[in-house]
Amino acid sequence: MTKEGFERLEELFPRIVNLMPKNEFDSHDFILVLAQKYQKLYVQLLYVYKDNNQPFQSVHKEIPKRLKKRVDLVEHVIRKHSSKNIFGLENSCAVWRKVK
């Protein structure tokens, strides 16, 4: 499931980017939209890491890594930015800008 799940996720990147309300957004915002709109896929990705002590962190690290390759969709603007993650905890993440 790992490879197929992440491939399916990458296919959804254009839709998720289009759902982002602002031109610039951070990885936490992107993950939150993904988790809200594509819950089944999100849970499947988490399940891949079920035996890992930090499945959320593992999946959340993989998402921006793959998003960075999509230069047709986004530009990586800031490497480290502080914002609240899906658990409401403050930590650093990347900032992205939509490519027009």
Protein backbone atom coordinates (compact mmCIF):
# COMPACT_ATOMS: atom_id res chain seq x y z
CA MET A 1 0.00 0.00 0.00
CA THR A 2 2.84 2.42 0.67
CA LYS A 3 3.78 3.05 -2.94
CA GLU A 4 0.22 2.94 -4.29
CA GLY A 5 -1.15 5.15 -1.52
CA PHE A 6 1.45 7.83 -2.00
CA GLU A 7 1.06 7.65 -5.78
CA ARG A 8 -2.69 8.21 -5.35
CA LEU A 9 -1.92 11.11 -3.03
CA GLU A 10 0.37 12.69 -5.61
CA GLU A 11 -2.41 12.41 -8.19
CA LEU A 12 -4.57 14.50 -5.84
CA PHE A 13 -1.97 17.24 -5.32
CA PRO A 14 -3.46 19.51 -8.04
CA ARG A 15 -6.92 19.27 -6.46
CA ILE A 16 -5.59 19.92 -2.97
CA VAL A 17 -3.53 22.90 -4.12
CA ASN A 18 -6.63 24.32 -5.81
CA LEU A 19 -8.56 23.92 -2.56
CA MET A 20 -6.06 26.05 -0.67
CA PRO A 21 -7.81 29.38 0.02
CA LYS A 22 -4.67 31.52 -0.18
CA ASN A 23 -1.89 31.79 -2.73
CA GLU A 24 0.65 30.94 0.00
CA PHE A 25 0.16 28.17 2.51
CA ASP A 26 2.25 25.96 4.74
CA SER A 27 2.60 22.21 4.90
CA HIS A 28 0.34 22.02 7.95
CA ASP A 29 -2.47 23.77 6.05
CA PHE A 30 -2.00 21.41 3.10
CA ILE A 31 -2.11 18.33 5.34
CA LEU A 32 -5.24 19.58 7.08
CA VAL A 33 -7.08 20.03 3.75
CA LEU A 34 -5.89 16.59 2.65
CA ALA A 35 -7.10 15.02 5.91
CA GLN A 36 -10.49 16.75 5.66
CA LYS A 37 -11.25 16.16 1.99
CA TYR A 38 -9.62 12.76 1.47
CA GLN A 39 -10.10 11.07 4.82
CA LYS A 40 -10.04 7.49 3.56
CA LEU A 41 -6.72 7.94 1.75
CA TYR A 42 -5.25 9.81 4.71
CA VAL A 43 -6.17 6.97 7.08
CA GLN A 44 -4.75 4.41 4.63
CA LEU A 45 -1.46 6.30 4.57
CA LEU A 46 -1.36 6.41 8.36
CA TYR A 47 -2.09 2.68 8.48
CA VAL A 48 1.04 2.01 6.43
CA TYR A 49 3.01 3.28 9.43
CA LYS A 50 0.83 1.57 12.08
CA ASP A 51 3.84 -0.20 13.60
CA ASN A 52 5.82 3.01 13.78
CA ASN A 53 5.75 4.94 17.07
CA GLN A 54 4.94 8.14 15.15
CA PRO A 55 2.73 7.31 12.15
CA PHE A 56 1.45 10.89 11.81
CA GLN A 57 4.96 12.32 11.79
CA SER A 58 6.09 9.74 9.23
CA VAL A 59 3.25 10.51 6.83
CA HIS A 60 3.50 14.26 7.42
CA LYS A 61 7.22 14.21 6.57
CA GLU A 62 6.56 12.33 3.34
CA ILE A 63 3.87 14.72 2.05
CA PRO A 64 5.99 17.90 1.73
CA LYS A 65 8.90 15.85 0.41
CA ARG A 66 6.70 14.76 -2.48
CA LEU A 67 5.02 18.15 -2.85
CA LYS A 68 8.41 19.79 -3.33
CA LYS A 69 8.87 17.78 -6.54
CA ARG A 70 5.69 19.29 -8.01
CA VAL A 71 7.25 22.49 -9.36
CA ASP A 72 4.34 22.64 -11.82
CA LEU A 73 2.01 23.29 -8.86
CA VAL A 74 3.98 25.01 -6.11
CA GLU A 75 7.11 26.92 -5.36
CA HIS A 76 8.94 26.22 -2.12
CA VAL A 77 9.10 29.69 -0.53
CA ILE A 78 10.33 29.25 3.04
CA ARG A 79 12.12 26.22 4.40
CA LYS A 80 11.13 26.64 8.05
CA HIS A 81 8.06 28.41 9.29
CA SER A 82 6.34 28.02 12.66
CA SER A 83 2.68 27.02 12.73
CA LYS A 84 0.31 24.64 14.50
CA ASN A 85 0.24 21.07 13.28
CA ILE A 86 -2.80 18.80 13.09
CA PHE A 87 -2.58 18.26 16.86
CA GLY A 88 -2.53 22.00 17.59
CA LEU A 89 1.14 21.92 18.57
CA GLU A 90 3.51 24.61 17.33
CA ASN A 91 6.38 23.37 15.17
CA SER A 92 8.18 24.21 11.97
CA CYS A 93 7.16 23.41 8.42
CA ALA A 94 7.65 24.62 4.85
CA VAL A 95 5.73 27.41 3.12
CA TRP A 96 4.52 27.04 -0.47
CA ARG A 97 3.25 29.41 -3.15
CA LYS A 98 0.90 28.34 -5.89
CA VAL A 99 2.42 28.45 -9.37
CA LYS A 100 0.16 30.24 -11.81
